C-alpha atoms as a PDB file:
ATOM      1  CA  MET A   1       0.181   0.183   0.298  1.00  0.00           C
ATOM      2  CA  SER A   2       1.271   3.610  -0.981  1.00  0.00           C
ATOM      3  CA  ARG A   3       2.037   5.981   1.184  1.00  0.00           C
ATOM      4  CA  ARG A   4      -0.031   9.332   0.511  1.00  0.00           C
ATOM      5  CA  THR A   5       0.786  12.782   1.664  1.00  0.00           C
ATOM      6  CA  PRO A   6      -1.405  15.607   2.012  1.00  0.00           C
ATOM      7  CA  SER A   7      -0.327  17.346  -1.411  1.00  0.00           C
ATOM      8  CA  SER A   8      -0.694  14.158  -3.505  1.00  0.00           C
ATOM      9  CA  ARG A   9      -4.688  13.207  -2.430  1.00  0.00           C
ATOM     10  CA  ARG A  10      -6.695  13.464  -5.422  1.00  0.00           C
ATOM     11  CA  ARG A  11      -8.308  16.597  -6.005  1.00  0.00           C
ATOM     12  CA  PRO A  12     -11.378  17.455  -7.533  1.00  0.00           C
ATOM     13  CA  ALA A  13     -10.929  17.859 -11.511  1.00  0.00           C
ATOM     14  CA  SER A  14     -11.411  21.471 -12.494  1.00  0.00           C
ATOM     15  CA  GLY A  15     -15.212  20.793 -13.596  1.00  0.00           C
ATOM     16  CA  SER A  16     -15.958  19.694 -10.016  1.00  0.00           C
ATOM     17  CA  SER A  17     -19.522  18.609  -8.689  1.00  0.00           C
ATOM     18  CA  HIS A  18     -19.986  22.133  -7.434  1.00  0.00           C
ATOM     19  CA  ALA A  19     -20.373  23.307 -10.685  1.00  0.00           C
ATOM     20  CA  PRO A  20     -23.981  24.519 -11.690  1.00  0.00           C
ATOM     21  CA  SER A  21     -26.490  22.301 -13.538  1.00  0.00           C
ATOM     22  CA  CYS A  22     -27.517  23.720 -17.340  1.00  0.00           C
ATOM     23  CA  PRO A  23     -30.653  25.977 -16.345  1.00  0.00           C
ATOM     24  CA  CYS A  24     -32.583  23.493 -18.350  1.00  0.00           C
ATOM     25  CA  GLY A  25     -33.001  21.532 -15.235  1.00  0.00           C
ATOM     26  CA  LEU A  26     -30.147  18.528 -16.130  1.00  0.00           C
ATOM     27  CA  ALA A  27     -27.617  17.338 -13.973  1.00  0.00           C
ATOM     28  CA  GLU A  28     -24.954  18.111 -16.660  1.00  0.00           C
ATOM     29  CA  THR A  29     -23.072  21.866 -16.584  1.00  0.00           C
ATOM     30  CA  TYR A  30     -24.170  24.290 -19.045  1.00  0.00           C
ATOM     31  CA  GLU A  31     -21.182  23.400 -21.440  1.00  0.00           C
ATOM     32  CA  LYS A  32     -21.371  19.849 -21.591  1.00  0.00           C
ATOM     33  CA  CYS A  33     -25.298  20.649 -22.041  1.00  0.00           C
ATOM     34  CA  CYS A  34     -27.504  23.355 -23.672  1.00  0.00           C
ATOM     35  CA  GLY A  35     -24.005  24.960 -24.159  1.00  0.00           C
ATOM     36  CA  ARG A  36     -23.064  23.054 -26.897  1.00  0.00           C
ATOM     37  CA  PHE A  37     -25.583  23.678 -28.711  1.00  0.00           C
ATOM     38  CA  HIS A  38     -25.664  27.451 -28.140  1.00  0.00           C
ATOM     39  CA  GLY A  39     -22.103  27.395 -29.370  1.00  0.00           C
ATOM     40  CA  GLY A  40     -22.942  25.984 -32.422  1.00  0.00           C
ATOM     41  CA  ALA A  41     -21.187  22.382 -31.590  1.00  0.00           C
ATOM     42  CA  GLY A  42     -23.768  20.266 -32.479  1.00  0.00           C
ATOM     43  CA  THR A  43     -27.829  20.531 -32.852  1.00  0.00           C
ATOM     44  CA  ALA A  44     -30.366  19.194 -30.397  1.00  0.00           C
ATOM     45  CA  PRO A  45     -30.955  15.918 -30.698  1.00  0.00           C
ATOM     46  CA  THR A  46     -34.879  15.315 -30.139  1.00  0.00           C
ATOM     47  CA  ALA A  47     -37.401  17.573 -29.746  1.00  0.00           C
ATOM     48  CA  GLU A  48     -37.104  17.761 -26.087  1.00  0.00           C
ATOM     49  CA  ALA A  49     -33.808  18.358 -25.739  1.00  0.00           C
ATOM     50  CA  LEU A  50     -34.244  21.137 -28.263  1.00  0.00           C
ATOM     51  CA  MET A  51     -37.139  23.204 -26.266  1.00  0.00           C
ATOM     52  CA  ARG A  52     -34.771  22.284 -22.935  1.00  0.00           C
ATOM     53  CA  SER A  53     -31.825  24.113 -24.908  1.00  0.00           C
ATOM     54  CA  ARG A  54     -34.007  27.186 -26.009  1.00  0.00           C
ATOM     55  CA  TYR A  55     -35.364  27.215 -22.266  1.00  0.00           C
ATOM     56  CA  SER A  56     -31.507  27.941 -21.404  1.00  0.00           C
ATOM     57  CA  ALA A  57     -31.334  30.258 -24.252  1.00  0.00           C
ATOM     58  CA  TYR A  58     -34.051  32.448 -23.097  1.00  0.00           C
ATOM     59  CA  VAL A  59     -32.422  32.424 -19.483  1.00  0.00           C
ATOM     60  CA  ARG A  60     -29.210  33.532 -20.704  1.00  0.00           C
ATOM     61  CA  ARG A  61     -31.073  35.958 -23.222  1.00  0.00           C
ATOM     62  CA  ASP A  62     -29.382  34.607 -26.472  1.00  0.00           C
ATOM     63  CA  GLU A  63     -31.454  35.773 -29.025  1.00  0.00           C
ATOM     64  CA  ALA A  64     -29.415  34.453 -32.296  1.00  0.00           C
ATOM     65  CA  TYR A  65     -29.626  31.088 -30.766  1.00  0.00           C
ATOM     66  CA  LEU A  66     -33.664  31.366 -30.474  1.00  0.00           C
ATOM     67  CA  LEU A  67     -33.538  32.816 -33.718  1.00  0.00           C
ATOM     68  CA  ARG A  68     -31.973  30.281 -35.351  1.00  0.00           C
ATOM     69  CA  THR A  69     -34.226  27.075 -33.850  1.00  0.00           C
ATOM     70  CA  TRP A  70     -37.347  28.808 -34.901  1.00  0.00           C
ATOM     71  CA  HIS A  71     -39.024  27.422 -38.179  1.00  0.00           C
ATOM     72  CA  PRO A  72     -38.194  29.697 -40.664  1.00  0.00           C
ATOM     73  CA  ARG A  73     -42.076  30.029 -41.511  1.00  0.00           C
ATOM     74  CA  THR A  74     -42.983  31.277 -38.168  1.00  0.00           C
ATOM     75  CA  ARG A  75     -39.680  32.616 -37.491  1.00  0.00           C
ATOM     76  CA  PRO A  76     -40.116  36.272 -36.295  1.00  0.00           C
ATOM     77  CA  GLN A  77     -38.076  38.971 -37.163  1.00  0.00           C
ATOM     78  CA  GLY A  78     -36.584  40.105 -33.914  1.00  0.00           C
ATOM     79  CA  LEU A  79     -37.143  39.142 -30.292  1.00  0.00           C
ATOM     80  CA  ASP A  80     -36.954  41.762 -28.040  1.00  0.00           C
ATOM     81  CA  LEU A  81     -36.015  39.845 -24.717  1.00  0.00           C
ATOM     82  CA  GLY A  82     -35.552  42.860 -22.714  1.00  0.00           C
ATOM     83  CA  PRO A  83     -35.455  42.100 -18.862  1.00  0.00           C
ATOM     84  CA  GLY A  84     -38.245  39.555 -19.114  1.00  0.00           C
ATOM     85  CA  PRO A  85     -39.100  37.500 -16.321  1.00  0.00           C
ATOM     86  CA  ALA A  86     -36.567  36.090 -14.178  1.00  0.00           C
ATOM     87  CA  TRP A  87     -36.690  32.245 -15.073  1.00  0.00           C
ATOM     88  CA  THR A  88     -36.451  30.041 -12.026  1.00  0.00           C
ATOM     89  CA  GLY A  89     -37.232  26.462 -13.169  1.00  0.00           C
ATOM     90  CA  LEU A  90     -38.442  23.999 -16.285  1.00  0.00           C
ATOM     91  CA  GLU A  91     -40.454  20.876 -15.633  1.00  0.00           C
ATOM     92  CA  VAL A  92     -41.464  18.752 -18.950  1.00  0.00           C
ATOM     93  CA  LEU A  93     -45.318  17.315 -18.206  1.00  0.00           C
ATOM     94  CA  GLY A  94     -45.098  15.130 -21.422  1.00  0.00           C
ATOM     95  CA  THR A  95     -43.641  14.390 -25.093  1.00  0.00           C
ATOM     96  CA  SER A  96     -44.799  13.110 -27.956  1.00  0.00           C
ATOM     97  CA  GLY A  97     -42.932  11.637 -31.195  1.00  0.00           C
ATOM     98  CA  GLY A  98     -39.637  14.046 -31.263  1.00  0.00           C
ATOM     99  CA  SER A  99     -36.834  11.508 -31.293  1.00  0.00           C
ATOM    100  CA  ALA A 100     -34.234  10.357 -34.282  1.00  0.00           C
ATOM    101  CA  PHE A 101     -37.060   8.351 -35.828  1.00  0.00           C
ATOM    102  CA  HIS A 102     -39.599  11.317 -36.132  1.00  0.00           C
ATOM    103  CA  THR A 103     -40.139  14.108 -37.748  1.00  0.00           C
ATOM    104  CA  THR A 104     -42.588  16.100 -35.792  1.00  0.00           C
ATOM    105  CA  GLY A 105     -42.649  16.175 -32.288  1.00  0.00           C
ATOM    106  CA  THR A 106     -44.600  17.823 -29.427  1.00  0.00           C
ATOM    107  CA  VAL A 107     -43.368  18.886 -25.852  1.00  0.00           C
ATOM    108  CA  THR A 108     -45.853  20.120 -22.955  1.00  0.00           C
ATOM    109  CA  PHE A 109     -43.634  21.838 -20.367  1.00  0.00           C
ATOM    110  CA  ARG A 110     -43.929  24.615 -17.065  1.00  0.00           C
ATOM    111  CA  ALA A 111     -41.499  27.099 -17.046  1.00  0.00           C
ATOM    112  CA  SER A 112     -41.492  29.028 -13.584  1.00  0.00           C
ATOM    113  CA  TYR A 113     -40.563  32.682 -13.226  1.00  0.00           C
ATOM    114  CA  ARG A 114     -40.544  34.905  -9.985  1.00  0.00           C
ATOM    115  CA  GLY A 115     -44.359  35.162  -9.292  1.00  0.00           C
ATOM    116  CA  GLY A 116     -45.623  32.310 -11.291  1.00  0.00           C
ATOM    117  CA  ALA A 117     -45.129  30.026 -14.141  1.00  0.00           C
ATOM    118  CA  LEU A 118     -45.969  29.415 -17.957  1.00  0.00           C
ATOM    119  CA  ARG A 119     -47.034  26.277 -19.445  1.00  0.00           C
ATOM    120  CA  GLU A 120     -47.230  25.505 -23.066  1.00  0.00           C
ATOM    121  CA  HIS A 121     -47.921  22.545 -25.319  1.00  0.00           C
ATOM    122  CA  SER A 122     -45.110  23.274 -28.374  1.00  0.00           C
ATOM    123  CA  ARG A 123     -44.362  21.878 -31.759  1.00  0.00           C
ATOM    124  CA  PHE A 124     -41.522  21.056 -33.522  1.00  0.00           C
ATOM    125  CA  GLU A 125     -40.248  19.928 -36.862  1.00  0.00           C
ATOM    126  CA  ARG A 126     -37.184  18.689 -38.377  1.00  0.00           C
ATOM    127  CA  VAL A 127     -35.782  21.332 -41.309  1.00  0.00           C
ATOM    128  CA  GLY A 128     -32.768  20.060 -42.887  1.00  0.00           C
ATOM    129  CA  GLY A 129     -32.036  16.924 -40.587  1.00  0.00           C
ATOM    130  CA  ALA A 130     -32.242  19.718 -37.887  1.00  0.00           C
ATOM    131  CA  TRP A 131     -34.953  19.986 -34.862  1.00  0.00           C
ATOM    132  CA  VAL A 132     -36.588  23.431 -35.113  1.00  0.00           C
ATOM    133  CA  TYR A 133     -39.395  25.361 -32.876  1.00  0.00           C
ATOM    134  CA  VAL A 134     -42.695  25.687 -34.956  1.00  0.00           C
ATOM    135  CA  ASP A 135     -45.134  27.209 -32.510  1.00  0.00           C
ATOM    136  CA  GLY A 136     -47.041  26.725 -28.915  1.00  0.00           C
ATOM    137  CA  ASP A 137     -50.176  27.375 -27.332  1.00  0.00           C
ATOM    138  CA  VAL A 138     -49.300  29.070 -24.103  1.00  0.00           C
ATOM    139  CA  GLU A 139     -51.617  29.012 -20.972  1.00  0.00           C
ATOM    140  CA  GLU A 140     -50.629  31.410 -18.190  1.00  0.00           C
END
């Protein structure tokens, strides 16, 4: 058995377990989760992953990503995110379709913010192989 001195003990890696989780609610760090999609290192593999990444984009006020992942036929000219609500959490309530084997999908979710919550049933389609947000029915 080797003898260890205090300085030779294992130290946590730079991405220690104390790193904050992604705003979308998954346990990964932002960089390993939604940040890779925001940065263009890949595209969301499912409609749910796209919805989660779009929620994170709203939290981070990433207008470019939101517009890039919006279906061309329903995409607005621009977004005025302004100060907006202080988003506090995301809960996926249900999904249908939206996998690698589908061309359409839906995700129903609740996004909480200070003072309330927004519930939406969102529709997604694949365009050029990538998932995009089409539209949604919002209940406040």
